[in-house]
Amino acid sequence: MKKLLVVLLALTCLSVLAFADGVTVGMDFGRSQFNVAAATTNGGAFPTDIMQGWVGPTEQFPTGQRLDIQLAWSNDHTGINITGYLGNGTMAWVNAYGTLKLVPDLFTAYIGEFAGDGWDHFRWDSAHPIHDVDNHSVGRFSGWGAILDVMPKDSGLDVALYAKLGDPAVAGTFNYFGNTGGQIEKLSDQITNYGFAAAYTVPNLVTVQAGSQAFGSWPTPQRNIFAGAKLLMIPNLTAFDSFYYAGFDVSPSVTIYSDELALSYDMKPLTIILAAFYGQNDFGGLTGTTLPSIATPDYGRIMNAGADYSVWAVMPEVIYNMGAMSLGLYANIFALSTNNYGISYQVEPYVKLNDFGVRVSFLYSSNTTANSVATWEIPVLIDWGF
């Protein structure tokens, strides 16, 4: 009798799920990193003790522990997506938006917050599994606001308009009374917070895209324009080029641009990945031995005392899949055209247990200049979920 009840209960649950409209529930122990050991050395300027903890001296992403929770529901006309991040003592709902399928398979509106991974129809990432990089997230629609997206089914066309609005939790403040931190903006200022983009895909051949958005918000929006092309014609090869230009609306004017070339070739079991950057005035800061975040606009050219400079970076990675585990080697080489900067570099060999989402590596960072800071760490990275 007990067995019959269990079977009937299971059938009841399956029948309920079978008639549910697009319900998704997921959890991910997402990219949580624990450093078994880490140290920094610089002729006594930094502690030489071997440390242990969630965050290493290079502060490479990811840092700390994170648990992701995702709840989603949709039907033929509407949808809801909520994503929460729990980690490092905080809990935040990073995605919380509703979807209106105004014309199914043609015209969709999204309203709410896009922050966890933004809205990435036009943002292209390199294929690096951990140290993934993009061209300063151009093409990513993120923040509170509304998105109108036209994407006719099977046409290869995607056109979107994004209006970035203030946080609705901050109420009752108006920038035209001298307060620039509120949710309500003058229309003449709000226009600077709009973004738009379009992409067209020829199946098995190429994807091209172009658009414009602001890296910041009013009163310092710093608008950019971007364009890209992605090759689809070669089996097992992913390759794209992404370019952006900014700084033309800054006074005094400054030329800022960055170009990213990225590729990934899967030869089974060997995978080769590469990202390379070249640009001008597109990095705005450096702390210790932490390698810069590639393609951050340097509007004040602070890295070269107000003078123009160029920047380049190369990030190769090779992965050999042995079935139960994979062996990998990652490197990052970065330099500015300033006389006193030198060349910064990272080297990271690693082993990944494929069935468990566990990755153990040895990460070493340094610089070619005299008395440069050197760091090393042994991070254990965990990423698994359902």
Protein backbone atom coordinates (compact mmCIF):
# COMPACT_ATOMS: atom_id res chain seq x y z
CA MET A 1 0.00 0.00 0.00
CA LYS A 2 2.84 2.39 0.88
CA LYS A 3 4.53 1.70 -2.46
CA LEU A 4 1.28 2.42 -4.27
CA LEU A 5 0.90 5.73 -2.46
CA VAL A 6 4.47 6.72 -3.36
CA VAL A 7 3.85 5.90 -7.04
CA LEU A 8 0.57 7.86 -7.06
CA LEU A 9 2.29 10.85 -5.41
CA ALA A 10 5.10 10.79 -7.98
CA LEU A 11 2.60 10.60 -10.85
CA THR A 12 0.66 13.52 -9.37
CA CYS A 13 3.81 15.67 -9.16
CA LEU A 14 4.80 14.81 -12.73
CA SER A 15 1.32 15.61 -14.01
CA VAL A 16 1.41 19.03 -12.32
CA LEU A 17 4.82 19.82 -13.82
CA ALA A 18 3.66 18.65 -17.24
CA PHE A 19 0.98 21.33 -17.36
CA ALA A 20 3.06 24.12 -15.76
CA ASP A 21 3.82 27.08 -18.02
CA GLY A 22 7.60 27.42 -18.40
CA VAL A 23 8.56 27.17 -14.72
CA THR A 24 12.29 27.18 -13.96
CA VAL A 25 13.91 26.83 -10.54
CA GLY A 26 17.66 26.69 -10.23
CA MET A 27 20.51 26.96 -7.74
CA ASP A 28 24.21 27.32 -8.41
CA PHE A 29 27.14 27.18 -6.02
CA GLY A 30 28.54 29.78 -8.36
CA ARG A 31 32.25 30.27 -8.89
CA SER A 32 33.10 30.18 -5.21
CA GLN A 33 36.82 30.58 -4.59
CA PHE A 34 38.80 29.63 -1.51
CA ASN A 35 42.53 30.24 -1.30
CA VAL A 36 44.37 27.40 0.39
CA ALA A 37 47.52 29.55 0.55
CA ALA A 38 48.60 32.95 -0.79
CA ALA A 39 51.44 35.42 -0.31
CA THR A 40 52.69 38.81 -1.50
CA THR A 41 56.32 39.94 -1.50
CA ASN A 42 57.96 43.29 -2.28
CA GLY A 43 61.15 43.84 -0.35
CA GLY A 44 59.36 44.16 2.98
CA ALA A 45 56.74 46.66 1.80
CA PHE A 46 54.05 44.00 2.03
CA PRO A 47 53.55 41.16 4.53
CA THR A 48 55.39 38.00 3.55
CA ASP A 49 53.28 35.71 5.71
CA ILE A 50 51.46 32.90 3.93
CA MET A 51 47.75 33.68 4.17
CA GLN A 52 44.53 31.70 3.79
CA GLY A 53 40.99 32.84 3.09
CA TRP A 54 38.28 33.62 0.56
CA VAL A 55 40.06 36.40 -1.30
CA GLY A 56 43.60 36.21 -2.66
CA PRO A 57 46.14 39.03 -3.11
CA THR A 58 45.50 39.36 -6.85
CA GLU A 59 41.77 39.88 -6.25
CA GLN A 60 40.98 37.99 -9.42
CA PHE A 61 37.34 37.18 -10.21
CA PRO A 62 35.73 35.41 -8.58
CA THR A 63 36.45 36.49 -5.04
CA GLY A 64 34.72 34.85 -2.13
CA GLN A 65 31.73 32.56 -1.97
CA ARG A 66 28.51 32.94 -3.92
CA LEU A 67 25.27 30.99 -4.05
CA ASP A 68 22.96 31.84 -6.94
CA ILE A 69 19.21 31.32 -6.82
CA GLN A 70 17.08 31.69 -9.94
CA LEU A 71 13.31 31.64 -10.25
CA ALA A 72 11.62 32.05 -13.63
CA TRP A 73 8.16 31.59 -15.10
CA SER A 74 6.73 32.32 -18.52
CA ASN A 75 3.81 31.60 -20.81
CA ASP A 76 2.89 32.73 -24.32
CA HIS A 77 2.37 36.36 -23.29
CA THR A 78 4.25 37.21 -20.08
CA GLY A 79 7.17 36.14 -17.93
CA ILE A 80 9.06 36.81 -14.70
CA ASN A 81 12.76 36.35 -13.91
CA ILE A 82 14.26 36.76 -10.43
CA THR A 83 17.90 36.01 -9.62
CA GLY A 84 19.53 36.37 -6.20
CA TYR A 85 23.18 36.27 -5.15
CA LEU A 86 24.04 35.18 -1.62
CA GLY A 87 27.68 35.62 -0.68
CA ASN A 88 30.24 37.52 1.35
CA GLY A 89 27.62 38.35 3.97
CA THR A 90 25.17 39.99 1.58
CA MET A 91 22.00 38.99 -0.22
CA ALA A 92 20.88 40.89 -3.31
CA TRP A 93 18.28 40.39 -5.99
CA VAL A 94 20.41 41.20 -9.03
CA ASN A 95 17.81 40.40 -11.68
CA ALA A 96 14.14 41.19 -11.12
CA TYR A 97 12.27 41.91 -14.31
CA GLY A 98 9.04 41.15 -16.07
CA THR A 99 8.63 40.18 -19.72
CA LEU A 100 5.77 41.24 -21.96
CA LYS A 101 5.58 39.32 -25.24
CA LEU A 102 3.51 41.99 -26.95
CA VAL A 103 3.76 40.33 -30.35
CA PRO A 104 4.97 36.72 -29.89
CA ASP A 105 8.13 35.89 -31.86
CA LEU A 106 8.47 39.56 -32.88
CA PHE A 107 8.19 42.31 -30.26
CA THR A 108 9.07 41.91 -26.54
CA ALA A 109 9.33 44.40 -23.68
CA TYR A 110 11.36 43.86 -20.51
CA ILE A 111 10.82 46.03 -17.43
CA GLY A 112 12.74 45.96 -14.13
CA GLU A 113 16.32 45.41 -12.96
CA PHE A 114 19.02 43.82 -15.11
CA ALA A 115 22.17 43.52 -13.02
CA GLY A 116 23.31 39.94 -12.41
CA ASP A 117 24.55 39.37 -15.92
CA GLY A 118 22.72 42.24 -17.51
CA TRP A 119 20.83 41.80 -20.76
CA ASP A 120 23.46 40.40 -23.07
CA HIS A 121 22.03 40.12 -26.58
CA PHE A 122 24.85 42.34 -27.87
CA ARG A 123 27.69 41.66 -25.40
CA TRP A 124 30.36 39.22 -26.52
CA ASP A 125 32.61 37.32 -24.10
CA SER A 126 35.80 35.45 -24.75
CA ALA A 127 35.57 31.69 -24.20
CA HIS A 128 37.95 31.62 -21.21
CA PRO A 129 36.06 29.43 -18.71
CA ILE A 130 37.16 31.39 -15.62
CA HIS A 131 38.92 34.61 -16.65
CA ASP A 132 36.35 35.47 -19.30
CA VAL A 133 36.84 38.95 -20.74
CA ASP A 134 34.83 41.33 -22.87
CA ASN A 135 35.41 44.75 -24.40
CA HIS A 136 34.31 46.69 -21.31
CA SER A 137 30.84 45.11 -21.52
CA VAL A 138 29.80 47.14 -24.55
CA GLY A 139 26.46 45.79 -25.70
CA ARG A 140 25.35 44.88 -22.17
CA PHE A 141 22.12 46.51 -21.03
CA SER A 142 22.24 46.65 -17.24
CA GLY A 143 20.58 48.57 -14.43
CA TRP A 144 16.99 49.56 -13.71
CA GLY A 145 15.00 50.40 -16.81
CA ALA A 146 13.02 49.15 -19.76
CA ILE A 147 14.06 47.33 -22.94
CA LEU A 148 12.08 47.14 -26.18
CA ASP A 149 13.33 44.32 -28.39
CA VAL A 150 12.32 43.50 -31.96
CA MET A 151 13.51 40.04 -32.99
CA PRO A 152 11.44 38.45 -35.80
CA LYS A 153 11.59 34.67 -35.58
CA ASP A 154 14.07 33.00 -37.98
CA SER A 155 14.99 36.37 -39.54
CA GLY A 156 18.44 36.74 -37.97
CA LEU A 157 17.59 40.33 -37.00
CA ASP A 158 17.65 41.71 -33.45
CA VAL A 159 17.03 45.42 -32.73
CA ALA A 160 16.72 46.82 -29.20
CA LEU A 161 16.22 50.15 -27.42
CA TYR A 162 17.13 50.51 -23.74
CA ALA A 163 16.03 53.28 -21.35
CA LYS A 164 18.11 53.25 -18.17
CA LEU A 165 16.12 54.67 -15.23
CA GLY A 166 16.90 55.30 -11.57
CA ASP A 167 16.42 52.82 -8.76
CA PRO A 168 12.70 52.94 -7.82
CA ALA A 169 13.67 52.31 -4.19
CA VAL A 170 15.11 55.84 -4.15
CA ALA A 171 11.97 57.97 -4.23
CA GLY A 172 11.12 61.63 -4.01
CA THR A 173 14.30 63.24 -5.37
CA PHE A 174 14.54 65.29 -8.54
CA ASN A 175 17.74 66.30 -10.27
CA TYR A 176 16.26 69.56 -11.51
CA PHE A 177 16.18 70.77 -7.90
CA GLY A 178 19.91 70.20 -7.67
CA ASN A 179 19.79 66.57 -6.48
CA THR A 180 21.32 64.20 -9.04
CA GLY A 181 20.85 60.97 -7.08
CA GLY A 182 17.15 60.34 -7.45
CA GLN A 183 14.95 58.18 -9.64
CA ILE A 184 13.27 61.00 -11.61
CA GLU A 185 15.24 62.73 -14.35
CA LYS A 186 14.58 65.63 -16.67
CA LEU A 187 13.84 64.29 -20.13
CA SER A 188 16.67 66.35 -21.60
CA ASP A 189 19.08 64.60 -19.22
CA GLN A 190 17.45 61.19 -19.45
CA ILE A 191 18.09 61.02 -23.19
CA THR A 192 21.79 60.53 -22.38
CA ASN A 193 20.86 57.28 -20.57
CA TYR A 194 19.39 55.59 -23.65
CA GLY A 195 21.15 52.76 -25.45
CA PHE A 196 20.37 51.09 -28.75
CA ALA A 197 21.84 48.28 -30.81
CA ALA A 198 21.13 46.02 -33.76
CA ALA A 199 22.54 42.70 -34.93
CA TYR A 200 22.05 40.58 -38.02
CA THR A 201 23.03 36.93 -38.41
CA VAL A 202 23.54 35.03 -41.64
CA PRO A 203 23.26 31.38 -40.50
CA ASN A 204 26.52 29.44 -40.62
CA LEU A 205 28.34 32.48 -42.00
CA VAL A 206 28.61 35.67 -39.88
CA THR A 207 26.97 37.90 -37.28
CA VAL A 208 27.44 41.68 -37.47
CA GLN A 209 26.30 44.20 -34.89
CA ALA A 210 26.52 47.91 -34.00
CA GLY A 211 25.14 50.20 -31.35
CA SER A 212 25.67 52.98 -28.85
CA GLN A 213 25.25 53.31 -25.10
CA ALA A 214 26.69 55.22 -22.14
CA PHE A 215 29.35 53.81 -19.83
CA GLY A 216 28.00 56.03 -17.05
CA SER A 217 24.79 57.94 -16.28
CA TRP A 218 23.86 61.61 -16.31
CA PRO A 219 25.57 64.03 -15.56
CA THR A 220 28.70 62.21 -16.83
CA PRO A 221 27.34 59.69 -19.34
CA GLN A 222 30.43 59.27 -21.62
CA ARG A 223 28.64 57.81 -24.61
CA ASN A 224 30.34 55.19 -26.76
CA ILE A 225 29.71 53.62 -30.12
CA PHE A 226 30.52 49.97 -30.77
CA ALA A 227 30.57 47.45 -33.58
CA GLY A 228 31.51 43.81 -34.00
CA ALA A 229 31.66 40.83 -36.33
CA LYS A 230 31.56 37.14 -35.43
CA LEU A 231 32.53 34.29 -37.78
CA LEU A 232 30.27 31.24 -37.85
CA MET A 233 31.47 29.48 -40.99
CA ILE A 234 34.22 27.22 -39.60
CA PRO A 235 33.13 24.18 -37.52
CA ASN A 236 34.47 24.12 -33.93
CA LEU A 237 35.90 27.66 -34.32
CA THR A 238 34.41 30.66 -32.56
CA ALA A 239 36.01 33.98 -33.51
CA PHE A 240 34.90 37.58 -33.14
CA ASP A 241 36.22 41.13 -33.22
CA SER A 242 34.66 43.80 -30.98
CA PHE A 243 35.49 47.52 -31.23
CA TYR A 244 34.33 50.56 -29.29
CA TYR A 245 35.12 54.28 -29.42
CA ALA A 246 34.45 56.77 -26.62
CA GLY A 247 35.56 60.15 -25.42
CA PHE A 248 34.11 62.32 -28.18
CA ASP A 249 31.63 63.91 -25.75
CA VAL A 250 34.26 64.65 -23.08
CA SER A 251 35.73 68.14 -22.57
CA PRO A 252 38.61 68.53 -23.09
CA SER A 253 38.36 65.92 -25.83
CA VAL A 254 40.30 62.67 -25.58
CA THR A 255 40.57 59.76 -27.99
CA ILE A 256 39.57 56.45 -26.41
CA TYR A 257 39.15 53.20 -28.27
CA SER A 258 39.63 49.49 -27.72
CA ASP A 259 39.55 46.49 -30.01
CA GLU A 260 39.21 42.89 -28.81
CA LEU A 261 39.98 39.88 -30.96
CA ALA A 262 38.87 36.58 -29.45
CA LEU A 263 38.85 33.02 -30.70
CA SER A 264 38.30 29.50 -29.45
CA TYR A 265 39.07 26.30 -31.36
CA ASP A 266 37.93 22.93 -30.06
CA MET A 267 40.02 20.07 -31.48
CA LYS A 268 38.65 17.49 -29.01
CA PRO A 269 40.28 16.82 -26.59
CA LEU A 270 42.46 19.95 -26.95
CA THR A 271 40.87 23.40 -26.82
CA ILE A 272 42.81 26.58 -27.66
CA ILE A 273 41.48 29.95 -26.49
CA LEU A 274 42.86 33.44 -27.12
CA ALA A 275 41.81 37.01 -26.38
CA ALA A 276 43.92 39.96 -27.52
CA PHE A 277 43.40 43.70 -26.99
CA TYR A 278 44.83 46.85 -28.48
CA GLY A 279 43.62 50.38 -27.75
CA GLN A 280 44.33 53.93 -26.68
CA ASN A 281 43.66 55.58 -23.31
CA ASP A 282 41.42 52.72 -22.26
CA PHE A 283 42.57 51.81 -18.79
CA GLY A 284 42.01 53.92 -15.69
CA GLY A 285 43.77 52.44 -12.66
CA LEU A 286 46.09 49.84 -11.16
CA THR A 287 46.35 48.55 -7.59
CA GLY A 288 49.31 46.51 -6.38
CA THR A 289 49.91 43.52 -8.61
CA THR A 290 46.32 43.25 -9.76
CA LEU A 291 46.26 43.27 -13.52
CA PRO A 292 44.00 45.96 -14.93
CA SER A 293 40.47 45.33 -16.02
CA ILE A 294 40.96 45.46 -19.76
CA ALA A 295 39.35 48.33 -21.66
CA THR A 296 38.27 50.62 -18.85
CA PRO A 297 38.09 54.14 -20.35
CA ASP A 298 40.71 56.50 -18.92
CA TYR A 299 39.02 59.86 -19.55
CA GLY A 300 41.67 61.76 -17.58
CA ARG A 301 44.61 59.79 -19.01
CA ILE A 302 45.80 59.39 -15.43
CA MET A 303 48.07 56.48 -16.35
CA ASN A 304 50.34 58.83 -18.34
CA ALA A 305 50.07 62.23 -16.62
CA GLY A 306 47.49 63.56 -19.05
CA ALA A 307 49.24 62.37 -22.22
CA ASP A 308 47.95 59.82 -24.72
CA TYR A 309 49.14 56.23 -24.41
CA SER A 310 48.44 52.88 -26.03
CA VAL A 311 47.69 49.56 -24.35
CA TRP A 312 47.86 45.92 -25.39
CA ALA A 313 47.08 42.58 -23.77
CA VAL A 314 47.21 38.92 -24.75
CA MET A 315 45.41 36.13 -22.85
CA PRO A 316 46.05 32.61 -24.20
CA GLU A 317 44.67 29.44 -22.61
CA VAL A 318 44.93 25.76 -23.53
CA ILE A 319 42.79 22.98 -22.06
CA TYR A 320 43.31 19.24 -22.48
CA ASN A 321 40.22 17.19 -21.60
CA MET A 322 41.09 13.74 -20.26
CA GLY A 323 37.53 12.75 -19.44
CA ALA A 324 37.32 12.67 -15.66
CA MET A 325 39.61 15.69 -15.40
CA SER A 326 41.08 18.44 -17.53
CA LEU A 327 44.55 20.02 -17.50
CA GLY A 328 44.79 23.70 -18.33
CA LEU A 329 47.27 26.55 -18.62
CA TYR A 330 46.24 30.22 -18.61
CA ALA A 331 48.41 33.31 -19.10
CA ASN A 332 47.81 37.06 -19.16
CA ILE A 333 50.38 39.54 -20.49
CA PHE A 334 49.58 43.27 -20.30
CA ALA A 335 51.50 46.49 -21.03
CA LEU A 336 51.10 50.25 -21.46
CA SER A 337 53.28 52.45 -23.67
CA THR A 338 54.53 54.44 -20.68
CA ASN A 339 58.23 54.35 -19.81
CA ASN A 340 57.81 53.29 -16.18
CA TYR A 341 55.10 50.67 -16.45
CA GLY A 342 56.86 47.55 -17.68
CA ILE A 343 55.01 44.38 -18.62
CA SER A 344 52.64 42.72 -16.16
CA TYR A 345 51.98 39.01 -16.43
CA GLN A 346 50.15 36.11 -14.86
CA VAL A 347 50.71 32.37 -15.28
CA GLU A 348 48.18 29.85 -13.99
CA PRO A 349 48.39 26.08 -14.49
CA TYR A 350 45.35 24.19 -13.19
CA VAL A 351 43.54 20.87 -12.84
CA LYS A 352 39.76 20.58 -13.08
CA LEU A 353 37.67 17.62 -11.88
CA ASN A 354 35.01 17.69 -14.59
CA ASP A 355 32.38 15.60 -12.80
CA PHE A 356 32.43 17.74 -9.66
CA GLY A 357 32.95 21.31 -10.92
CA VAL A 358 36.11 21.67 -8.81
CA ARG A 359 39.22 23.45 -10.10
CA VAL A 360 42.60 23.74 -8.33
CA SER A 361 45.30 26.03 -9.70
CA PHE A 362 48.52 27.88 -8.93
CA LEU A 363 48.38 31.56 -9.90
CA TYR A 364 51.54 33.68 -10.09
CA SER A 365 51.55 37.42 -10.89
CA SER A 366 54.39 39.90 -11.30
CA ASN A 367 55.82 42.74 -13.40
CA THR A 368 59.08 43.25 -15.28
CA THR A 369 59.95 46.57 -13.58
CA ALA A 370 62.52 46.71 -10.79
CA ASN A 371 61.21 46.11 -7.25
CA SER A 372 57.86 44.99 -8.63
CA VAL A 373 55.31 43.25 -6.45
CA ALA A 374 55.01 39.49 -6.90
CA THR A 375 52.12 37.39 -5.64
CA TRP A 376 51.15 33.76 -5.69
CA GLU A 377 48.09 31.86 -4.56
CA ILE A 378 46.54 28.40 -4.67
CA PRO A 379 42.83 28.93 -5.29
CA VAL A 380 40.22 26.16 -5.19
CA LEU A 381 37.27 27.13 -7.33
CA ILE A 382 33.87 25.41 -7.12
CA ASP A 383 31.07 25.84 -9.67
CA TRP A 384 28.16 23.41 -9.81
CA GLY A 385 24.42 23.58 -9.67
CA PHE A 386 21.11 22.60 -11.23
